[in-house]
Every structure is written in C-alpha cells, then in structure tokens.
Amino acid sequence: RYLFQKFVAIDANFRLRNKHVSSQAKNPTLGDGFAYFVPYNDYIEWVKRFVDQAEVKGLL
C-alpha cells in the first residue's frame, strides 16, 4: 500500500462559494456588459425596483 497519497478536489458548490464574495470591488465581473449580459450596475438598479413586490405564486 501507499504511505502517502495525493488527493486533489475542486469545489463545485458555486452558490456557496459566491456567498464568500463580499463586494463587486473585491471580485469584479470579467465581462461586464459583453455579448448578451447587461452591465452589473444597471442590473442591480433594475432589481432594486422590484424588491418590495410580493411574489406571484401562480407563475410556478
């Protein structure tokens, strides 16, 4: 048997890893506004308009 063994793993739990990102300044978007993505700041402003609305349960 082996005395030493190398174990390499990749964390694929992206949602949990994204919780560790503290700000857009520390972890900026690579392609802000490229292709079909909208710029980050424009998206955040758009989302803030709908934060207080009740969820529509019939859409699910």
PDB file of N, CA and C in Angstrom:
ATOM      1  N   ARG A   1       0.835  -1.200   0.000  1.00  0.00           N
ATOM      2  CA  ARG A   1       0.000   0.000   0.000  1.00  0.00           C
ATOM      3  C   ARG A   1       0.872   1.253   0.000  1.00  0.00           C
ATOM      4  N   TYR A   2       0.182   2.382  -0.268  1.00  0.00           N
ATOM      5  CA  TYR A   2       0.879   3.667  -0.315  1.00  0.00           C
ATOM      6  C   TYR A   2       0.975   4.277   1.079  1.00  0.00           C
ATOM      7  N   LEU A   3       2.118   4.877   1.352  1.00  0.00           N
ATOM      8  CA  LEU A   3       2.263   5.619   2.601  1.00  0.00           C
ATOM      9  C   LEU A   3       1.702   7.031   2.456  1.00  0.00           C
ATOM     10  N   PHE A   4       1.865   7.589   1.270  1.00  0.00           N
ATOM     11  CA  PHE A   4       1.394   8.943   1.014  1.00  0.00           C
ATOM     12  C   PHE A   4       0.530   8.928  -0.239  1.00  0.00           C
ATOM     13  N   GLN A   5      -0.526   9.693  -0.222  1.00  0.00           N
ATOM     14  CA  GLN A   5      -1.418   9.756  -1.370  1.00  0.00           C
ATOM     15  C   GLN A   5      -1.831  11.203  -1.585  1.00  0.00           C
ATOM     16  N   LYS A   6      -1.802  11.631  -2.822  1.00  0.00           N
ATOM     17  CA  LYS A   6      -2.207  12.991  -3.162  1.00  0.00           C
ATOM     18  C   LYS A   6      -3.674  12.984  -3.558  1.00  0.00           C
ATOM     19  N   PHE A   7      -4.465  13.855  -2.937  1.00  0.00           N
ATOM     20  CA  PHE A   7      -5.890  13.960  -3.227  1.00  0.00           C
ATOM     21  C   PHE A   7      -6.171  15.381  -3.688  1.00  0.00           C
ATOM     22  N   VAL A   8      -6.677  15.511  -4.904  1.00  0.00           N
ATOM     23  CA  VAL A   8      -6.980  16.823  -5.476  1.00  0.00           C
ATOM     24  C   VAL A   8      -8.480  16.898  -5.712  1.00  0.00           C
ATOM     25  N   ALA A   9      -9.102  17.981  -5.246  1.00  0.00           N
ATOM     26  CA  ALA A   9     -10.547  18.155  -5.413  1.00  0.00           C
ATOM     27  C   ALA A   9     -10.838  19.588  -5.842  1.00  0.00           C
ATOM     28  N   ILE A  10     -11.961  19.746  -6.517  1.00  0.00           N
ATOM     29  CA  ILE A  10     -12.414  21.069  -6.938  1.00  0.00           C
ATOM     30  C   ILE A  10     -13.769  21.326  -6.289  1.00  0.00           C
ATOM     31  N   ASP A  11     -13.921  22.500  -5.699  1.00  0.00           N
ATOM     32  CA  ASP A  11     -15.194  22.857  -5.081  1.00  0.00           C
ATOM     33  C   ASP A  11     -16.170  23.272  -6.171  1.00  0.00           C
ATOM     34  N   ALA A  12     -17.193  22.464  -6.387  1.00  0.00           N
ATOM     35  CA  ALA A  12     -18.173  22.756  -7.428  1.00  0.00           C
ATOM     36  C   ALA A  12     -19.461  23.342  -6.857  1.00  0.00           C
ATOM     37  N   ASN A  13     -19.460  23.693  -5.589  1.00  0.00           N
ATOM     38  CA  ASN A  13     -20.635  24.286  -4.966  1.00  0.00           C
ATOM     39  C   ASN A  13     -20.568  25.801  -5.185  1.00  0.00           C
ATOM     40  N   PHE A  14     -20.928  26.221  -6.403  1.00  0.00           N
ATOM     41  CA  PHE A  14     -20.747  27.618  -6.792  1.00  0.00           C
ATOM     42  C   PHE A  14     -21.621  28.576  -5.994  1.00  0.00           C
ATOM     43  N   ARG A  15     -22.818  28.164  -5.642  1.00  0.00           N
ATOM     44  CA  ARG A  15     -23.693  29.063  -4.880  1.00  0.00           C
ATOM     45  C   ARG A  15     -23.109  29.360  -3.508  1.00  0.00           C
ATOM     46  N   LEU A  16     -22.571  28.342  -2.858  1.00  0.00           N
ATOM     47  CA  LEU A  16     -21.965  28.549  -1.549  1.00  0.00           C
ATOM     48  C   LEU A  16     -20.699  29.390  -1.673  1.00  0.00           C
ATOM     49  N   ARG A  17     -19.905  29.148  -2.702  1.00  0.00           N
ATOM     50  CA  ARG A  17     -18.684  29.925  -2.900  1.00  0.00           C
ATOM     51  C   ARG A  17     -19.009  31.395  -3.190  1.00  0.00           C
ATOM     52  N   ASN A  18     -20.108  31.658  -3.887  1.00  0.00           N
ATOM     53  CA  ASN A  18     -20.481  33.038  -4.197  1.00  0.00           C
ATOM     54  C   ASN A  18     -20.898  33.819  -2.961  1.00  0.00           C
ATOM     55  N   LYS A  19     -21.300  33.145  -1.892  1.00  0.00           N
ATOM     56  CA  LYS A  19     -21.651  33.841  -0.653  1.00  0.00           C
ATOM     57  C   LYS A  19     -20.421  34.457   0.002  1.00  0.00           C
ATOM     58  N   HIS A  20     -19.232  33.939  -0.318  1.00  0.00           N
ATOM     59  CA  HIS A  20     -17.998  34.465   0.262  1.00  0.00           C
ATOM     60  C   HIS A  20     -17.511  35.729  -0.443  1.00  0.00           C
ATOM     61  N   VAL A  21     -18.104  36.060  -1.581  1.00  0.00           N
ATOM     62  CA  VAL A  21     -17.730  37.281  -2.300  1.00  0.00           C
ATOM     63  C   VAL A  21     -18.355  38.461  -1.567  1.00  0.00           C
ATOM     64  N   SER A  22     -17.520  39.320  -1.040  1.00  0.00           N
ATOM     65  CA  SER A  22     -18.032  40.395  -0.189  1.00  0.00           C
ATOM     66  C   SER A  22     -18.506  41.612  -0.977  1.00  0.00           C
ATOM     67  N   SER A  23     -17.927  41.856  -2.149  1.00  0.00           N
ATOM     68  CA  SER A  23     -18.336  43.040  -2.908  1.00  0.00           C
ATOM     69  C   SER A  23     -17.928  42.908  -4.371  1.00  0.00           C
ATOM     70  N   GLN A  24     -18.526  43.743  -5.191  1.00  0.00           N
ATOM     71  CA  GLN A  24     -18.174  43.794  -6.612  1.00  0.00           C
ATOM     72  C   GLN A  24     -16.755  44.336  -6.780  1.00  0.00           C
ATOM     73  N   ALA A  25     -16.300  45.182  -5.860  1.00  0.00           N
ATOM     74  CA  ALA A  25     -14.954  45.750  -5.961  1.00  0.00           C
ATOM     75  C   ALA A  25     -13.875  44.697  -5.717  1.00  0.00           C
ATOM     76  N   LYS A  26     -14.119  43.773  -4.781  1.00  0.00           N
ATOM     77  CA  LYS A  26     -13.133  42.730  -4.488  1.00  0.00           C
ATOM     78  C   LYS A  26     -13.144  41.604  -5.508  1.00  0.00           C
ATOM     79  N   ASN A  27     -14.293  41.338  -6.116  1.00  0.00           N
ATOM     80  CA  ASN A  27     -14.403  40.270  -7.102  1.00  0.00           C
ATOM     81  C   ASN A  27     -15.192  40.790  -8.301  1.00  0.00           C
ATOM     82  N   PRO A  28     -14.556  41.572  -9.163  1.00  0.00           N
ATOM     83  CA  PRO A  28     -15.285  42.195 -10.275  1.00  0.00           C
ATOM     84  C   PRO A  28     -15.688  41.188 -11.349  1.00  0.00           C
ATOM     85  N   THR A  29     -16.687  41.553 -12.115  1.00  0.00           N
ATOM     86  CA  THR A  29     -17.154  40.743 -13.222  1.00  0.00           C
ATOM     87  C   THR A  29     -16.129  40.790 -14.345  1.00  0.00           C
ATOM     88  N   LEU A  30     -15.856  39.644 -14.971  1.00  0.00           N
ATOM     89  CA  LEU A  30     -14.868  39.603 -16.049  1.00  0.00           C
ATOM     90  C   LEU A  30     -15.347  40.319 -17.304  1.00  0.00           C
ATOM     91  N   GLY A  31     -16.601  40.096 -17.683  1.00  0.00           N
ATOM     92  CA  GLY A  31     -17.104  40.693 -18.918  1.00  0.00           C
ATOM     93  C   GLY A  31     -18.353  41.500 -18.671  1.00  0.00           C
ATOM     94  N   ASP A  32     -18.234  42.592 -17.982  1.00  0.00           N
ATOM     95  CA  ASP A  32     -19.397  43.404 -17.632  1.00  0.00           C
ATOM     96  C   ASP A  32     -19.987  44.056 -18.878  1.00  0.00           C
ATOM     97  N   GLY A  33     -21.160  43.595 -19.296  1.00  0.00           N
ATOM     98  CA  GLY A  33     -21.831  44.161 -20.455  1.00  0.00           C
ATOM     99  C   GLY A  33     -21.448  43.522 -21.778  1.00  0.00           C
ATOM    100  N   PHE A  34     -20.644  42.453 -21.760  1.00  0.00           N
ATOM    101  CA  PHE A  34     -20.256  41.780 -23.003  1.00  0.00           C
ATOM    102  C   PHE A  34     -21.395  40.912 -23.513  1.00  0.00           C
ATOM    103  N   ALA A  35     -21.476  40.768 -24.820  1.00  0.00           N
ATOM    104  CA  ALA A  35     -22.433  39.882 -25.505  1.00  0.00           C
ATOM    105  C   ALA A  35     -23.853  40.180 -25.055  1.00  0.00           C
ATOM    106  N   TYR A  36     -24.532  39.213 -24.465  1.00  0.00           N
ATOM    107  CA  TYR A  36     -25.928  39.400 -24.069  1.00  0.00           C
ATOM    108  C   TYR A  36     -26.083  39.716 -22.588  1.00  0.00           C
ATOM    109  N   PHE A  37     -24.994  39.918 -21.871  1.00  0.00           N
ATOM    110  CA  PHE A  37     -25.059  40.297 -20.464  1.00  0.00           C
ATOM    111  C   PHE A  37     -25.233  41.810 -20.335  1.00  0.00           C
ATOM    112  N   VAL A  38     -26.023  42.215 -19.363  1.00  0.00           N
ATOM    113  CA  VAL A  38     -26.174  43.650 -19.110  1.00  0.00           C
ATOM    114  C   VAL A  38     -25.118  44.087 -18.107  1.00  0.00           C
ATOM    115  N   PRO A  39     -24.737  45.355 -18.099  1.00  0.00           N
ATOM    116  CA  PRO A  39     -23.780  45.832 -17.105  1.00  0.00           C
ATOM    117  C   PRO A  39     -24.306  45.603 -15.680  1.00  0.00           C
ATOM    118  N   TYR A  40     -23.416  45.250 -14.779  1.00  0.00           N
ATOM    119  CA  TYR A  40     -23.769  44.874 -13.408  1.00  0.00           C
ATOM    120  C   TYR A  40     -24.559  45.970 -12.697  1.00  0.00           C
ATOM    121  N   ASN A  41     -24.097  47.195 -12.759  1.00  0.00           N
ATOM    122  CA  ASN A  41     -24.765  48.285 -12.031  1.00  0.00           C
ATOM    123  C   ASN A  41     -26.170  48.540 -12.559  1.00  0.00           C
ATOM    124  N   ASP A  42     -26.358  48.443 -13.871  1.00  0.00           N
ATOM    125  CA  ASP A  42     -27.700  48.605 -14.444  1.00  0.00           C
ATOM    126  C   ASP A  42     -28.631  47.500 -13.962  1.00  0.00           C
ATOM    127  N   TYR A  43     -28.119  46.278 -13.892  1.00  0.00           N
ATOM    128  CA  TYR A  43     -28.923  45.146 -13.427  1.00  0.00           C
ATOM    129  C   TYR A  43     -29.331  45.321 -11.965  1.00  0.00           C
ATOM    130  N   ILE A  44     -28.405  45.731 -11.113  1.00  0.00           N
ATOM    131  CA  ILE A  44     -28.702  45.920  -9.685  1.00  0.00           C
ATOM    132  C   ILE A  44     -29.754  47.005  -9.500  1.00  0.00           C
ATOM    133  N   GLU A  45     -29.663  48.091 -10.240  1.00  0.00           N
ATOM    134  CA  GLU A  45     -30.672  49.153 -10.153  1.00  0.00           C
ATOM    135  C   GLU A  45     -32.041  48.642 -10.585  1.00  0.00           C
ATOM    136  N   TRP A  46     -32.096  47.819 -11.620  1.00  0.00           N
ATOM    137  CA  TRP A  46     -33.363  47.256 -12.101  1.00  0.00           C
ATOM    138  C   TRP A  46     -33.963  46.325 -11.053  1.00  0.00           C
ATOM    139  N   VAL A  47     -33.145  45.499 -10.412  1.00  0.00           N
ATOM    140  CA  VAL A  47     -33.624  44.566  -9.386  1.00  0.00           C
ATOM    141  C   VAL A  47     -34.153  45.319  -8.172  1.00  0.00           C
ATOM    142  N   LYS A  48     -33.518  46.402  -7.787  1.00  0.00           N
ATOM    143  CA  LYS A  48     -33.947  47.178  -6.618  1.00  0.00           C
ATOM    144  C   LYS A  48     -35.362  47.731  -6.770  1.00  0.00           C
ATOM    145  N   ARG A  49     -35.817  47.919  -8.001  1.00  0.00           N
ATOM    146  CA  ARG A  49     -37.180  48.421  -8.217  1.00  0.00           C
ATOM    147  C   ARG A  49     -38.237  47.401  -7.816  1.00  0.00           C
ATOM    148  N   PHE A  50     -37.904  46.123  -7.816  1.00  0.00           N
ATOM    149  CA  PHE A  50     -38.885  45.068  -7.584  1.00  0.00           C
ATOM    150  C   PHE A  50     -38.708  44.329  -6.264  1.00  0.00           C
ATOM    151  N   VAL A  51     -37.824  44.778  -5.411  1.00  0.00           N
ATOM    152  CA  VAL A  51     -37.542  44.081  -4.157  1.00  0.00           C
ATOM    153  C   VAL A  51     -38.767  44.015  -3.255  1.00  0.00           C
ATOM    154  N   ASP A  52     -39.566  45.050  -3.208  1.00  0.00           N
ATOM    155  CA  ASP A  52     -40.694  45.113  -2.279  1.00  0.00           C
ATOM    156  C   ASP A  52     -41.965  44.451  -2.801  1.00  0.00           C
ATOM    157  N   GLN A  53     -41.979  43.998  -4.023  1.00  0.00           N
ATOM    158  CA  GLN A  53     -43.185  43.380  -4.576  1.00  0.00           C
ATOM    159  C   GLN A  53     -43.386  41.971  -4.025  1.00  0.00           C
ATOM    160  N   ALA A  54     -44.653  41.609  -3.837  1.00  0.00           N
ATOM    161  CA  ALA A  54     -44.969  40.249  -3.389  1.00  0.00           C
ATOM    162  C   ALA A  54     -44.747  39.279  -4.546  1.00  0.00           C
ATOM    163  N   GLU A  55     -44.328  38.085  -4.206  1.00  0.00           N
ATOM    164  CA  GLU A  55     -44.102  37.076  -5.246  1.00  0.00           C
ATOM    165  C   GLU A  55     -45.433  36.612  -5.821  1.00  0.00           C
ATOM    166  N   VAL A  56     -45.442  36.354  -7.089  1.00  0.00           N
ATOM    167  CA  VAL A  56     -46.642  35.860  -7.759  1.00  0.00           C
ATOM    168  C   VAL A  56     -46.567  34.339  -7.769  1.00  0.00           C
ATOM    169  N   LYS A  57     -47.399  33.684  -6.966  1.00  0.00           N
ATOM    170  CA  LYS A  57     -47.324  32.234  -6.809  1.00  0.00           C
ATOM    171  C   LYS A  57     -47.857  31.481  -8.021  1.00  0.00           C
ATOM    172  N   GLY A  58     -48.739  32.090  -8.809  1.00  0.00           N
ATOM    173  CA  GLY A  58     -49.324  31.409  -9.955  1.00  0.00           C
ATOM    174  C   GLY A  58     -48.368  31.188 -11.111  1.00  0.00           C
ATOM    175  N   LEU A  59     -47.201  31.810 -11.078  1.00  0.00           N
ATOM    176  CA  LEU A  59     -46.261  31.663 -12.180  1.00  0.00           C
ATOM    177  C   LEU A  59     -45.459  30.372 -12.106  1.00  0.00           C
ATOM    178  N   LEU A  60     -45.442  29.727 -10.962  1.00  0.00           N
ATOM    179  CA  LEU A  60     -44.645  28.500 -10.826  1.00  0.00           C
ATOM    180  C   LEU A  60     -45.370  27.294 -11.243  1.00  0.00           C
TER     181      LEU A  60
END
